[in-house]
Amino acid sequence: MSVEDLIEGIVLHAFEGRVPSSQGTLSVGEQLKRIYGLELTAADRRRSYEKEESLMNRIERHHNITVARPIDQVFPLFTPEGEILWVPGWNPDFIHPESGETCEGMVFRTGRDQDETLWSCIEWKPSDHRVRYARVTPSSRFGFVEVSCKQAGLALTDVSVSYTFTALTEQGKIDLANLTDDAFSQMIETWRVQIERWFEAAEENAS
């Protein structure tokens, strides 16, 4: 809680006739409330502060990109196996099924030590070009990741990426604070560059 929050709380308590104010200051407080039409109470400020604290524990991020390829080529790249092709260092350990086939209920692991993360596919709609994962990094955060694709033209695909994170630890709060809207947008824009570079390299190798 900041010094400003503390001072505001003291003032609001004084207006409500509660300590730490003396009886003399209480009457002044009532007059000020009437003059300035103050309606905020100490309880209101406390609830506001608690809400601010809870917002630090949970974030939602969303960003759209457009990839210059048909949807049937783009969407498979957002499966655990597909990401191996273009995500540097992506090496999932497939737990179920061991083949790595994307399906609802699949479970896999990424990272190690403090970054070890367990994933599960909780929604797999290939006909709608949509997939959703639940993920937990026990040392820091729990989250959902959703990717959906829409054909934007003969050779254009709009990709919508959404993340929701809830902090599990103090480190998780730090991680969430660092994932600002701008940081998230930059991350997804980097995905677009990596995907297009992979397509270009694959086409060169095929020619």
N, C-alpha and C. Protein backbone atom coordinates (compact mmCIF):
# COMPACT_ATOMS: atom_id res chain seq x y z
N MET A 1 0.85 -1.19 0.00
CA MET A 1 0.00 0.00 0.00
C MET A 1 0.88 1.24 0.00
N SER A 2 0.60 2.19 -0.87
CA SER A 2 1.40 3.40 -0.97
C SER A 2 1.07 4.38 0.15
N VAL A 3 1.95 5.42 0.31
CA VAL A 3 1.69 6.46 1.30
C VAL A 3 0.39 7.18 0.99
N GLU A 4 0.14 7.41 -0.32
CA GLU A 4 -1.10 8.07 -0.73
C GLU A 4 -2.32 7.26 -0.30
N ASP A 5 -2.25 5.92 -0.48
CA ASP A 5 -3.36 5.06 -0.06
C ASP A 5 -3.58 5.16 1.45
N LEU A 6 -2.47 5.17 2.20
CA LEU A 6 -2.56 5.23 3.66
C LEU A 6 -3.22 6.52 4.11
N ILE A 7 -2.77 7.63 3.53
CA ILE A 7 -3.34 8.93 3.90
C ILE A 7 -4.82 8.98 3.56
N GLU A 8 -5.17 8.48 2.34
CA GLU A 8 -6.57 8.49 1.94
C GLU A 8 -7.41 7.67 2.90
N GLY A 9 -6.89 6.52 3.34
CA GLY A 9 -7.63 5.68 4.27
C GLY A 9 -7.86 6.38 5.60
N ILE A 10 -6.83 7.09 6.10
CA ILE A 10 -6.97 7.82 7.36
C ILE A 10 -8.04 8.89 7.25
N VAL A 11 -8.01 9.64 6.14
CA VAL A 11 -9.00 10.70 5.94
C VAL A 11 -10.42 10.13 5.87
N LEU A 12 -10.60 9.05 5.13
CA LEU A 12 -11.93 8.46 5.00
C LEU A 12 -12.43 7.91 6.33
N HIS A 13 -11.53 7.30 7.12
CA HIS A 13 -11.94 6.85 8.45
C HIS A 13 -12.36 8.03 9.31
N ALA A 14 -11.64 9.15 9.18
CA ALA A 14 -11.99 10.33 9.97
C ALA A 14 -13.37 10.84 9.60
N PHE A 15 -13.68 10.84 8.30
CA PHE A 15 -15.00 11.30 7.85
C PHE A 15 -16.11 10.41 8.41
N GLU A 16 -15.81 9.15 8.67
CA GLU A 16 -16.84 8.22 9.14
C GLU A 16 -16.95 8.18 10.66
N GLY A 17 -16.17 9.01 11.34
CA GLY A 17 -16.28 9.06 12.79
C GLY A 17 -15.51 7.97 13.49
N ARG A 18 -14.49 7.42 12.82
CA ARG A 18 -13.69 6.36 13.42
C ARG A 18 -12.30 6.89 13.72
N VAL A 19 -11.63 6.25 14.70
CA VAL A 19 -10.25 6.64 15.01
C VAL A 19 -9.43 6.49 13.74
N PRO A 20 -8.31 7.26 13.55
CA PRO A 20 -7.54 7.93 14.59
C PRO A 20 -7.93 9.38 14.85
N SER A 21 -9.05 9.89 14.40
CA SER A 21 -9.38 11.31 14.57
C SER A 21 -10.03 11.57 15.92
N SER A 22 -9.83 12.79 16.40
CA SER A 22 -10.48 13.22 17.63
C SER A 22 -11.90 13.68 17.32
N GLN A 23 -12.69 13.95 18.38
CA GLN A 23 -14.07 14.37 18.17
C GLN A 23 -14.13 15.69 17.42
N GLY A 24 -13.12 16.55 17.67
CA GLY A 24 -13.13 17.85 17.02
C GLY A 24 -12.95 17.74 15.52
N THR A 25 -12.06 16.89 15.12
CA THR A 25 -11.83 16.74 13.68
C THR A 25 -12.96 16.02 13.00
N LEU A 26 -13.72 15.21 13.74
CA LEU A 26 -14.84 14.49 13.14
C LEU A 26 -15.90 15.46 12.64
N SER A 27 -16.18 16.50 13.42
CA SER A 27 -17.19 17.45 12.99
C SER A 27 -16.72 18.20 11.75
N VAL A 28 -15.42 18.50 11.69
CA VAL A 28 -14.87 19.15 10.49
C VAL A 28 -15.01 18.23 9.29
N GLY A 29 -14.77 16.96 9.52
CA GLY A 29 -14.89 15.99 8.43
C GLY A 29 -16.30 15.92 7.89
N GLU A 30 -17.28 15.95 8.78
CA GLU A 30 -18.67 15.92 8.33
C GLU A 30 -19.00 17.15 7.50
N GLN A 31 -18.48 18.29 7.91
CA GLN A 31 -18.73 19.51 7.16
C GLN A 31 -18.11 19.43 5.77
N LEU A 32 -16.88 18.91 5.71
CA LEU A 32 -16.21 18.78 4.41
C LEU A 32 -16.97 17.83 3.50
N LYS A 33 -17.49 16.73 4.07
CA LYS A 33 -18.25 15.79 3.26
C LYS A 33 -19.48 16.45 2.67
N ARG A 34 -20.17 17.28 3.48
CA ARG A 34 -21.37 17.95 2.98
C ARG A 34 -21.02 18.99 1.91
N ILE A 35 -19.92 19.74 2.17
CA ILE A 35 -19.54 20.81 1.25
C ILE A 35 -19.14 20.26 -0.10
N TYR A 36 -18.33 19.21 -0.08
CA TYR A 36 -17.77 18.71 -1.34
C TYR A 36 -18.52 17.49 -1.90
N GLY A 37 -19.59 17.10 -1.23
CA GLY A 37 -20.40 16.00 -1.74
C GLY A 37 -19.65 14.68 -1.79
N LEU A 38 -18.82 14.43 -0.77
CA LEU A 38 -18.01 13.21 -0.76
C LEU A 38 -18.88 12.01 -0.39
N GLU A 39 -18.85 10.96 -1.20
CA GLU A 39 -19.64 9.76 -0.94
C GLU A 39 -18.77 8.53 -0.72
N LEU A 40 -17.49 8.61 -1.07
CA LEU A 40 -16.59 7.47 -0.90
C LEU A 40 -16.34 7.21 0.58
N THR A 41 -16.45 5.94 1.00
CA THR A 41 -16.21 5.57 2.39
C THR A 41 -14.91 4.78 2.49
N ALA A 42 -14.45 4.58 3.72
CA ALA A 42 -13.23 3.80 3.92
C ALA A 42 -13.41 2.37 3.40
N ALA A 43 -14.62 1.83 3.59
CA ALA A 43 -14.88 0.47 3.10
C ALA A 43 -14.78 0.41 1.58
N ASP A 44 -15.29 1.49 0.92
CA ASP A 44 -15.19 1.55 -0.54
C ASP A 44 -13.73 1.55 -0.97
N ARG A 45 -12.91 2.35 -0.29
CA ARG A 45 -11.50 2.44 -0.66
C ARG A 45 -10.80 1.10 -0.41
N ARG A 46 -11.18 0.42 0.68
CA ARG A 46 -10.57 -0.88 0.98
C ARG A 46 -10.91 -1.89 -0.10
N ARG A 47 -12.18 -1.89 -0.53
CA ARG A 47 -12.58 -2.81 -1.59
C ARG A 47 -11.86 -2.48 -2.89
N SER A 48 -11.68 -1.18 -3.15
CA SER A 48 -10.97 -0.76 -4.35
C SER A 48 -9.53 -1.25 -4.32
N TYR A 49 -8.90 -1.13 -3.14
CA TYR A 49 -7.52 -1.58 -3.00
C TYR A 49 -7.42 -3.09 -3.18
N GLU A 50 -8.38 -3.82 -2.61
CA GLU A 50 -8.37 -5.27 -2.77
C GLU A 50 -8.55 -5.67 -4.22
N LYS A 51 -9.39 -4.90 -4.95
CA LYS A 51 -9.58 -5.18 -6.37
C LYS A 51 -8.30 -4.94 -7.14
N GLU A 52 -7.60 -3.84 -6.79
CA GLU A 52 -6.32 -3.57 -7.45
C GLU A 52 -5.34 -4.70 -7.22
N GLU A 53 -5.33 -5.22 -5.98
CA GLU A 53 -4.43 -6.33 -5.66
C GLU A 53 -4.79 -7.56 -6.48
N SER A 54 -6.09 -7.85 -6.65
CA SER A 54 -6.50 -9.03 -7.39
C SER A 54 -6.14 -8.90 -8.87
N LEU A 55 -6.20 -7.66 -9.39
CA LEU A 55 -5.85 -7.46 -10.79
C LEU A 55 -4.39 -7.80 -11.05
N MET A 56 -3.56 -7.67 -10.05
CA MET A 56 -2.15 -8.01 -10.19
C MET A 56 -1.96 -9.51 -10.29
N ASN A 57 -2.95 -10.27 -9.84
CA ASN A 57 -2.86 -11.72 -9.84
C ASN A 57 -3.36 -12.35 -11.13
N ARG A 58 -4.03 -11.57 -11.99
CA ARG A 58 -4.63 -12.14 -13.19
C ARG A 58 -4.57 -11.14 -14.33
N ILE A 59 -4.21 -11.62 -15.52
CA ILE A 59 -4.19 -10.75 -16.69
C ILE A 59 -4.79 -11.48 -17.88
N GLU A 60 -5.28 -10.70 -18.82
CA GLU A 60 -5.75 -11.22 -20.10
C GLU A 60 -5.09 -10.43 -21.21
N ARG A 61 -4.55 -11.13 -22.18
CA ARG A 61 -3.87 -10.48 -23.29
C ARG A 61 -4.40 -11.04 -24.61
N HIS A 62 -4.46 -10.17 -25.63
CA HIS A 62 -5.00 -10.59 -26.92
C HIS A 62 -4.29 -9.81 -28.02
N HIS A 63 -3.98 -10.51 -29.12
CA HIS A 63 -3.37 -9.83 -30.26
C HIS A 63 -3.67 -10.62 -31.54
N ASN A 64 -3.84 -9.89 -32.63
CA ASN A 64 -4.11 -10.50 -33.94
C ASN A 64 -2.94 -10.26 -34.88
N ILE A 65 -2.66 -11.26 -35.70
CA ILE A 65 -1.67 -11.10 -36.75
C ILE A 65 -2.26 -11.66 -38.05
N THR A 66 -1.66 -11.28 -39.16
CA THR A 66 -2.06 -11.83 -40.45
C THR A 66 -0.85 -12.49 -41.09
N VAL A 67 -1.02 -13.73 -41.48
CA VAL A 67 0.06 -14.50 -42.10
C VAL A 67 -0.28 -14.67 -43.58
N ALA A 68 0.69 -14.43 -44.43
CA ALA A 68 0.46 -14.46 -45.88
C ALA A 68 0.54 -15.88 -46.43
N ARG A 69 -0.35 -16.72 -45.91
CA ARG A 69 -0.45 -18.10 -46.39
C ARG A 69 -1.89 -18.58 -46.18
N PRO A 70 -2.33 -19.62 -46.90
CA PRO A 70 -3.69 -20.15 -46.72
C PRO A 70 -3.88 -20.74 -45.33
N ILE A 71 -5.12 -20.74 -44.89
CA ILE A 71 -5.43 -21.17 -43.53
C ILE A 71 -5.06 -22.63 -43.27
N ASP A 72 -5.19 -23.49 -44.26
CA ASP A 72 -4.88 -24.90 -44.06
C ASP A 72 -3.39 -25.15 -43.90
N GLN A 73 -2.58 -24.18 -44.26
CA GLN A 73 -1.14 -24.28 -44.02
C GLN A 73 -0.74 -23.62 -42.70
N VAL A 74 -1.49 -22.61 -42.31
CA VAL A 74 -1.14 -21.85 -41.11
C VAL A 74 -1.63 -22.51 -39.83
N PHE A 75 -2.88 -22.93 -39.78
CA PHE A 75 -3.44 -23.44 -38.53
C PHE A 75 -2.65 -24.62 -37.93
N PRO A 76 -2.19 -25.60 -38.73
CA PRO A 76 -1.44 -26.71 -38.14
C PRO A 76 -0.16 -26.29 -37.42
N LEU A 77 0.33 -25.10 -37.69
CA LEU A 77 1.55 -24.64 -37.04
C LEU A 77 1.32 -24.25 -35.59
N PHE A 78 0.06 -24.22 -35.14
CA PHE A 78 -0.25 -23.88 -33.76
C PHE A 78 -0.63 -25.11 -32.93
N THR A 79 -0.25 -26.28 -33.42
CA THR A 79 -0.33 -27.50 -32.63
C THR A 79 1.04 -27.72 -32.00
N PRO A 80 1.11 -28.54 -30.94
CA PRO A 80 2.42 -28.78 -30.32
C PRO A 80 3.46 -29.32 -31.29
N GLU A 81 3.06 -30.23 -32.18
CA GLU A 81 4.00 -30.74 -33.18
C GLU A 81 4.33 -29.67 -34.20
N GLY A 82 3.33 -28.91 -34.62
CA GLY A 82 3.56 -27.89 -35.63
C GLY A 82 4.52 -26.82 -35.17
N GLU A 83 4.49 -26.47 -33.89
CA GLU A 83 5.35 -25.41 -33.39
C GLU A 83 6.82 -25.82 -33.37
N ILE A 84 7.10 -27.12 -33.39
CA ILE A 84 8.48 -27.58 -33.46
C ILE A 84 9.16 -27.02 -34.71
N LEU A 85 8.38 -26.81 -35.76
CA LEU A 85 8.94 -26.38 -37.04
C LEU A 85 9.46 -24.94 -37.00
N TRP A 86 8.87 -24.09 -36.20
CA TRP A 86 9.23 -22.66 -36.28
C TRP A 86 9.56 -21.97 -34.96
N VAL A 87 9.31 -22.62 -33.82
CA VAL A 87 9.60 -22.01 -32.52
C VAL A 87 10.98 -22.46 -32.04
N PRO A 88 11.95 -21.56 -31.94
CA PRO A 88 13.29 -21.95 -31.48
C PRO A 88 13.24 -22.55 -30.07
N GLY A 89 13.86 -23.70 -29.89
CA GLY A 89 13.93 -24.33 -28.58
C GLY A 89 12.67 -25.05 -28.13
N TRP A 90 11.65 -25.07 -28.98
CA TRP A 90 10.39 -25.76 -28.60
C TRP A 90 10.58 -27.26 -28.77
N ASN A 91 10.57 -27.98 -27.66
CA ASN A 91 10.82 -29.42 -27.69
C ASN A 91 9.90 -30.11 -26.69
N PRO A 92 8.62 -30.21 -27.01
CA PRO A 92 7.66 -30.78 -26.06
C PRO A 92 7.91 -32.26 -25.79
N ASP A 93 7.68 -32.63 -24.54
CA ASP A 93 7.74 -34.04 -24.12
C ASP A 93 6.30 -34.54 -24.09
N PHE A 94 5.94 -35.34 -25.07
CA PHE A 94 4.55 -35.80 -25.18
C PHE A 94 4.29 -36.93 -24.19
N ILE A 95 3.33 -36.69 -23.30
CA ILE A 95 2.98 -37.66 -22.27
C ILE A 95 1.80 -38.51 -22.72
N HIS A 96 0.78 -37.86 -23.27
CA HIS A 96 -0.38 -38.59 -23.82
C HIS A 96 -1.04 -37.75 -24.90
N PRO A 97 -1.24 -38.33 -26.06
CA PRO A 97 -0.64 -39.59 -26.51
C PRO A 97 0.85 -39.39 -26.82
N GLU A 98 1.61 -40.46 -26.72
CA GLU A 98 3.05 -40.36 -26.93
C GLU A 98 3.40 -39.99 -28.36
N SER A 99 2.48 -40.20 -29.28
CA SER A 99 2.72 -39.85 -30.68
C SER A 99 2.75 -38.33 -30.89
N GLY A 100 2.17 -37.59 -29.96
CA GLY A 100 2.12 -36.14 -30.10
C GLY A 100 0.95 -35.66 -30.94
N GLU A 101 0.06 -36.57 -31.32
CA GLU A 101 -1.11 -36.18 -32.10
C GLU A 101 -1.98 -35.24 -31.29
N THR A 102 -2.37 -34.13 -31.90
CA THR A 102 -3.20 -33.16 -31.20
C THR A 102 -4.62 -33.69 -31.06
N CYS A 103 -5.12 -33.68 -29.84
CA CYS A 103 -6.49 -34.12 -29.56
C CYS A 103 -6.89 -33.56 -28.20
N GLU A 104 -8.18 -33.47 -27.96
CA GLU A 104 -8.64 -33.02 -26.65
C GLU A 104 -8.18 -34.02 -25.59
N GLY A 105 -7.61 -33.52 -24.53
CA GLY A 105 -7.12 -34.38 -23.46
C GLY A 105 -5.64 -34.71 -23.56
N MET A 106 -4.99 -34.30 -24.67
CA MET A 106 -3.56 -34.57 -24.77
C MET A 106 -2.82 -33.82 -23.66
N VAL A 107 -1.69 -34.38 -23.23
CA VAL A 107 -0.88 -33.79 -22.16
C VAL A 107 0.57 -33.81 -22.61
N PHE A 108 1.25 -32.69 -22.43
CA PHE A 108 2.68 -32.64 -22.75
C PHE A 108 3.38 -31.68 -21.82
N ARG A 109 4.71 -31.74 -21.83
CA ARG A 109 5.52 -30.95 -20.93
C ARG A 109 6.55 -30.15 -21.72
N THR A 110 6.81 -28.93 -21.28
CA THR A 110 7.87 -28.12 -21.88
C THR A 110 8.70 -27.49 -20.76
N GLY A 111 9.89 -27.05 -21.11
CA GLY A 111 10.76 -26.36 -20.16
C GLY A 111 11.35 -27.30 -19.13
N ARG A 112 12.13 -26.72 -18.26
CA ARG A 112 12.75 -27.50 -17.19
C ARG A 112 12.98 -26.61 -15.98
N ASP A 113 13.23 -27.25 -14.84
CA ASP A 113 13.47 -26.54 -13.58
C ASP A 113 12.31 -25.57 -13.28
N GLN A 114 12.62 -24.29 -13.02
CA GLN A 114 11.58 -23.33 -12.66
C GLN A 114 10.62 -23.01 -13.80
N ASP A 115 11.06 -23.32 -15.04
CA ASP A 115 10.21 -23.04 -16.20
C ASP A 115 9.43 -24.26 -16.67
N GLU A 116 9.52 -25.37 -15.95
CA GLU A 116 8.79 -26.56 -16.37
C GLU A 116 7.29 -26.27 -16.39
N THR A 117 6.66 -26.61 -17.51
CA THR A 117 5.24 -26.29 -17.70
C THR A 117 4.51 -27.53 -18.21
N LEU A 118 3.37 -27.81 -17.61
CA LEU A 118 2.50 -28.89 -18.06
C LEU A 118 1.34 -28.30 -18.84
N TRP A 119 1.07 -28.91 -20.00
CA TRP A 119 0.02 -28.42 -20.90
C TRP A 119 -1.01 -29.52 -21.13
N SER A 120 -2.24 -29.08 -21.43
CA SER A 120 -3.27 -30.01 -21.89
C SER A 120 -4.14 -29.29 -22.91
N CYS A 121 -4.48 -30.00 -23.97
CA CYS A 121 -5.39 -29.46 -24.97
C CYS A 121 -6.82 -29.67 -24.45
N ILE A 122 -7.53 -28.59 -24.20
CA ILE A 122 -8.87 -28.71 -23.63
C ILE A 122 -9.97 -28.45 -24.66
N GLU A 123 -9.57 -27.95 -25.83
CA GLU A 123 -10.55 -27.75 -26.91
C GLU A 123 -9.82 -27.86 -28.24
N TRP A 124 -10.26 -28.77 -29.06
CA TRP A 124 -9.63 -29.02 -30.36
C TRP A 124 -10.72 -29.03 -31.43
N LYS A 125 -10.77 -27.95 -32.21
CA LYS A 125 -11.80 -27.79 -33.24
C LYS A 125 -11.12 -27.52 -34.59
N PRO A 126 -10.52 -28.54 -35.18
CA PRO A 126 -9.79 -28.31 -36.44
C PRO A 126 -10.69 -27.82 -37.57
N SER A 127 -11.95 -28.25 -37.58
CA SER A 127 -12.85 -27.80 -38.64
C SER A 127 -13.15 -26.30 -38.52
N ASP A 128 -13.07 -25.78 -37.28
CA ASP A 128 -13.27 -24.35 -37.04
C ASP A 128 -11.94 -23.59 -36.95
N HIS A 129 -10.84 -24.35 -37.08
CA HIS A 129 -9.50 -23.77 -36.97
C HIS A 129 -9.32 -23.05 -35.63
N ARG A 130 -9.64 -23.77 -34.57
CA ARG A 130 -9.52 -23.21 -33.22
C ARG A 130 -8.98 -24.27 -32.27
N VAL A 131 -8.06 -23.86 -31.40
CA VAL A 131 -7.51 -24.77 -30.39
C VAL A 131 -7.30 -23.98 -29.10
N ARG A 132 -7.50 -24.67 -27.98
CA ARG A 132 -7.34 -24.03 -26.67
C ARG A 132 -6.59 -24.97 -25.73
N TYR A 133 -5.64 -24.39 -25.02
CA TYR A 133 -4.81 -25.17 -24.10
C TYR A 133 -4.92 -24.61 -22.68
N ALA A 134 -4.80 -25.50 -21.70
CA ALA A 134 -4.57 -25.10 -20.31
C ALA A 134 -3.11 -25.41 -20.01
N ARG A 135 -2.49 -24.53 -19.25
CA ARG A 135 -1.07 -24.73 -18.94
C ARG A 135 -0.80 -24.28 -17.51
N VAL A 136 0.12 -24.98 -16.84
CA VAL A 136 0.50 -24.60 -15.49
C VAL A 136 2.01 -24.71 -15.34
N THR A 137 2.60 -23.62 -14.88
CA THR A 137 4.00 -23.60 -14.47
C THR A 137 3.96 -23.50 -12.95
N PRO A 138 4.15 -24.63 -12.22
CA PRO A 138 3.90 -24.63 -10.77
C PRO A 138 4.67 -23.57 -10.00
N SER A 139 5.82 -23.18 -10.49
CA SER A 139 6.62 -22.19 -9.77
C SER A 139 6.10 -20.77 -9.92
N SER A 140 5.13 -20.56 -10.85
CA SER A 140 4.74 -19.16 -11.08
C SER A 140 3.29 -18.92 -11.46
N ARG A 141 2.74 -19.65 -12.45
CA ARG A 141 1.45 -19.21 -12.99
C ARG A 141 0.66 -20.35 -13.65
N PHE A 142 -0.64 -20.10 -13.72
CA PHE A 142 -1.57 -20.99 -14.43
C PHE A 142 -2.21 -20.17 -15.53
N GLY A 143 -2.50 -20.84 -16.67
CA GLY A 143 -3.08 -20.05 -17.74
C GLY A 143 -3.83 -20.84 -18.80
N PHE A 144 -4.48 -20.09 -19.68
CA PHE A 144 -5.14 -20.63 -20.86
C PHE A 144 -4.57 -19.93 -22.09
N VAL A 145 -4.41 -20.70 -23.15
CA VAL A 145 -3.94 -20.16 -24.43
C VAL A 145 -4.93 -20.58 -25.50
N GLU A 146 -5.42 -19.63 -26.27
CA GLU A 146 -6.36 -19.94 -27.35
C GLU A 146 -5.87 -19.32 -28.65
N VAL A 147 -5.91 -20.13 -29.70
CA VAL A 147 -5.54 -19.66 -31.04
C VAL A 147 -6.67 -20.01 -31.99
N SER A 148 -7.13 -19.02 -32.75
CA SER A 148 -8.14 -19.28 -33.76
C SER A 148 -7.72 -18.59 -35.05
N CYS A 149 -8.03 -19.23 -36.17
CA CYS A 149 -7.63 -18.72 -37.48
C CYS A 149 -8.85 -18.51 -38.37
N LYS A 150 -8.79 -17.47 -39.19
CA LYS A 150 -9.85 -17.21 -40.17
C LYS A 150 -9.22 -16.84 -41.50
N GLN A 151 -9.80 -17.41 -42.56
CA GLN A 151 -9.31 -17.09 -43.90
C GLN A 151 -9.62 -15.63 -44.21
N ALA A 152 -8.59 -14.87 -44.58
CA ALA A 152 -8.79 -13.45 -44.89
C ALA A 152 -8.66 -13.16 -46.37
N GLY A 153 -8.38 -14.18 -47.15
CA GLY A 153 -8.19 -14.03 -48.59
C GLY A 153 -7.68 -15.35 -49.15
N LEU A 154 -7.38 -15.37 -50.44
CA LEU A 154 -6.92 -16.62 -51.05
C LEU A 154 -5.63 -17.11 -50.41
N ALA A 155 -4.77 -16.19 -50.00
CA ALA A 155 -3.50 -16.59 -49.40
C ALA A 155 -3.20 -15.75 -48.17
N LEU A 156 -4.25 -15.44 -47.40
CA LEU A 156 -4.08 -14.66 -46.17
C LEU A 156 -4.88 -15.31 -45.05
N THR A 157 -4.27 -15.37 -43.87
CA THR A 157 -4.93 -15.95 -42.72
C THR A 157 -4.81 -15.01 -41.53
N ASP A 158 -5.94 -14.65 -40.94
CA ASP A 158 -5.94 -13.87 -39.70
C ASP A 158 -5.83 -14.84 -38.52
N VAL A 159 -4.89 -14.56 -37.65
CA VAL A 159 -4.65 -15.40 -36.48
C VAL A 159 -4.92 -14.59 -35.23
N SER A 160 -5.80 -15.10 -34.37
CA SER A 160 -6.13 -14.46 -33.11
C SER A 160 -5.53 -15.27 -31.96
N VAL A 161 -4.74 -14.62 -31.12
CA VAL A 161 -4.07 -15.30 -30.02
C VAL A 161 -4.47 -14.65 -28.71
N SER A 162 -4.96 -15.46 -27.76
CA SER A 162 -5.39 -14.95 -26.46
C SER A 162 -4.72 -15.73 -25.34
N TYR A 163 -4.22 -15.02 -24.35
CA TYR A 163 -3.62 -15.62 -23.16
C TYR A 163 -4.36 -15.10 -21.94
N THR A 164 -4.61 -15.98 -20.98
CA THR A 164 -5.11 -15.59 -19.67
C THR A 164 -4.21 -16.24 -18.63
N PHE A 165 -3.63 -15.43 -17.74
CA PHE A 165 -2.73 -15.95 -16.73
C PHE A 165 -3.21 -15.57 -15.34
N THR A 166 -3.04 -16.49 -14.38
CA THR A 166 -3.26 -16.24 -12.97
C THR A 166 -1.98 -16.57 -12.23
N ALA A 167 -1.50 -15.63 -11.44
CA ALA A 167 -0.26 -15.85 -10.69
C ALA A 167 -0.49 -16.86 -9.56
N LEU A 168 0.45 -17.76 -9.39
CA LEU A 168 0.40 -18.74 -8.31
C LEU A 168 1.36 -18.40 -7.18
N THR A 169 2.37 -17.61 -7.49
CA THR A 169 3.42 -17.25 -6.53
C THR A 169 3.81 -15.79 -6.74
N GLU A 170 4.70 -15.30 -5.87
CA GLU A 170 5.20 -13.94 -6.04
C GLU A 170 5.95 -13.80 -7.36
N GLN A 171 6.68 -14.85 -7.75
CA GLN A 171 7.36 -14.81 -9.04
C GLN A 171 6.35 -14.72 -10.18
N GLY A 172 5.23 -15.38 -10.00
CA GLY A 172 4.17 -15.30 -11.00
C GLY A 172 3.65 -13.88 -11.15
N LYS A 173 3.51 -13.16 -10.04
CA LYS A 173 3.06 -11.77 -10.11
C LYS A 173 4.05 -10.91 -10.91
N ILE A 174 5.34 -11.20 -10.71
CA ILE A 174 6.37 -10.46 -11.45
C ILE A 174 6.26 -10.78 -12.94
N ASP A 175 6.08 -12.06 -13.25
CA ASP A 175 5.96 -12.47 -14.66
C ASP A 175 4.77 -11.80 -15.32
N LEU A 176 3.65 -11.74 -14.61
CA LEU A 176 2.45 -11.12 -15.17
C LEU A 176 2.64 -9.62 -15.35
N ALA A 177 3.30 -8.99 -14.41
CA ALA A 177 3.54 -7.56 -14.52
C ALA A 177 4.43 -7.24 -15.72
N ASN A 178 5.34 -8.15 -16.03
CA ASN A 178 6.24 -7.93 -17.16
C ASN A 178 5.55 -8.17 -18.51
N LEU A 179 4.47 -8.96 -18.50
CA LEU A 179 3.78 -9.24 -19.75
C LEU A 179 2.73 -8.15 -20.00
N THR A 180 3.19 -6.97 -20.30
CA THR A 180 2.30 -5.85 -20.59
C THR A 180 1.61 -6.07 -21.94
N ASP A 181 0.64 -5.22 -22.25
CA ASP A 181 -0.02 -5.30 -23.55
C ASP A 181 0.99 -5.16 -24.68
N ASP A 182 1.91 -4.20 -24.53
CA ASP A 182 2.91 -3.99 -25.58
C ASP A 182 3.86 -5.18 -25.70
N ALA A 183 4.28 -5.73 -24.56
CA ALA A 183 5.18 -6.88 -24.58
C ALA A 183 4.51 -8.08 -25.25
N PHE A 184 3.23 -8.27 -24.95
CA PHE A 184 2.51 -9.40 -25.55
C PHE A 184 2.36 -9.20 -27.05
N SER A 185 2.01 -8.00 -27.47
CA SER A 185 1.86 -7.72 -28.90
C SER A 185 3.17 -7.95 -29.64
N GLN A 186 4.27 -7.51 -29.03
CA GLN A 186 5.58 -7.72 -29.65
C GLN A 186 5.90 -9.21 -29.76
N MET A 187 5.54 -9.98 -28.75
CA MET A 187 5.79 -11.42 -28.77
C MET A 187 5.05 -12.09 -29.92
N ILE A 188 3.77 -11.74 -30.09
CA ILE A 188 2.97 -12.37 -31.15
C ILE A 188 3.42 -11.88 -32.52
N GLU A 189 3.85 -10.64 -32.63
CA GLU A 189 4.38 -10.15 -33.90
C GLU A 189 5.66 -10.91 -34.26
N THR A 190 6.44 -11.27 -33.24
CA THR A 190 7.63 -12.09 -33.48
C THR A 190 7.24 -13.46 -34.02
N TRP A 191 6.13 -14.00 -33.52
CA TRP A 191 5.63 -15.27 -34.07
C TRP A 191 5.39 -15.14 -35.57
N ARG A 192 4.75 -14.04 -35.96
CA ARG A 192 4.44 -13.84 -37.38
C ARG A 192 5.71 -13.86 -38.23
N VAL A 193 6.72 -13.17 -37.77
CA VAL A 193 8.00 -13.12 -38.50
C VAL A 193 8.62 -14.52 -38.58
N GLN A 194 8.60 -15.25 -37.48
CA GLN A 194 9.20 -16.59 -37.45
C GLN A 194 8.44 -17.54 -38.38
N ILE A 195 7.12 -17.44 -38.38
CA ILE A 195 6.32 -18.31 -39.24
C ILE A 195 6.59 -18.02 -40.72
N GLU A 196 6.61 -16.75 -41.07
CA GLU A 196 6.84 -16.40 -42.47
C GLU A 196 8.25 -16.78 -42.91
N ARG A 197 9.23 -16.66 -42.03
CA ARG A 197 10.59 -17.09 -42.36
C ARG A 197 10.64 -18.60 -42.57
N TRP A 198 9.88 -19.33 -41.76
CA TRP A 198 9.87 -20.79 -41.93
C TRP A 198 9.25 -21.16 -43.27
N PHE A 199 8.17 -20.52 -43.63
CA PHE A 199 7.55 -20.79 -44.92
C PHE A 199 8.51 -20.49 -46.06
N GLU A 200 9.20 -19.36 -45.98
CA GLU A 200 10.14 -18.99 -47.03
C GLU A 200 11.27 -20.01 -47.16
N ALA A 201 11.81 -20.45 -46.01
CA ALA A 201 12.87 -21.44 -46.03
C ALA A 201 12.39 -22.77 -46.58
N ALA A 202 11.16 -23.18 -46.19
CA ALA A 202 10.61 -24.44 -46.69
C ALA A 202 10.40 -24.40 -48.19
N GLU A 203 9.96 -23.27 -48.69
CA GLU A 203 9.75 -23.14 -50.13
C GLU A 203 11.08 -23.14 -50.90
N GLU A 204 12.09 -22.52 -50.32
CA GLU A 204 13.41 -22.53 -50.96
C GLU A 204 13.98 -23.94 -51.00
N ASN A 205 13.81 -24.69 -49.93
CA ASN A 205 14.33 -26.06 -49.89
C ASN A 205 13.58 -26.97 -50.85
N ALA A 206 12.32 -26.64 -51.10
CA ALA A 206 11.51 -27.49 -51.99
C ALA A 206 11.80 -27.19 -53.46
N SER A 207 12.35 -26.03 -53.75
CA SER A 207 12.59 -25.65 -55.14
C SER A 207 13.92 -26.18 -55.67
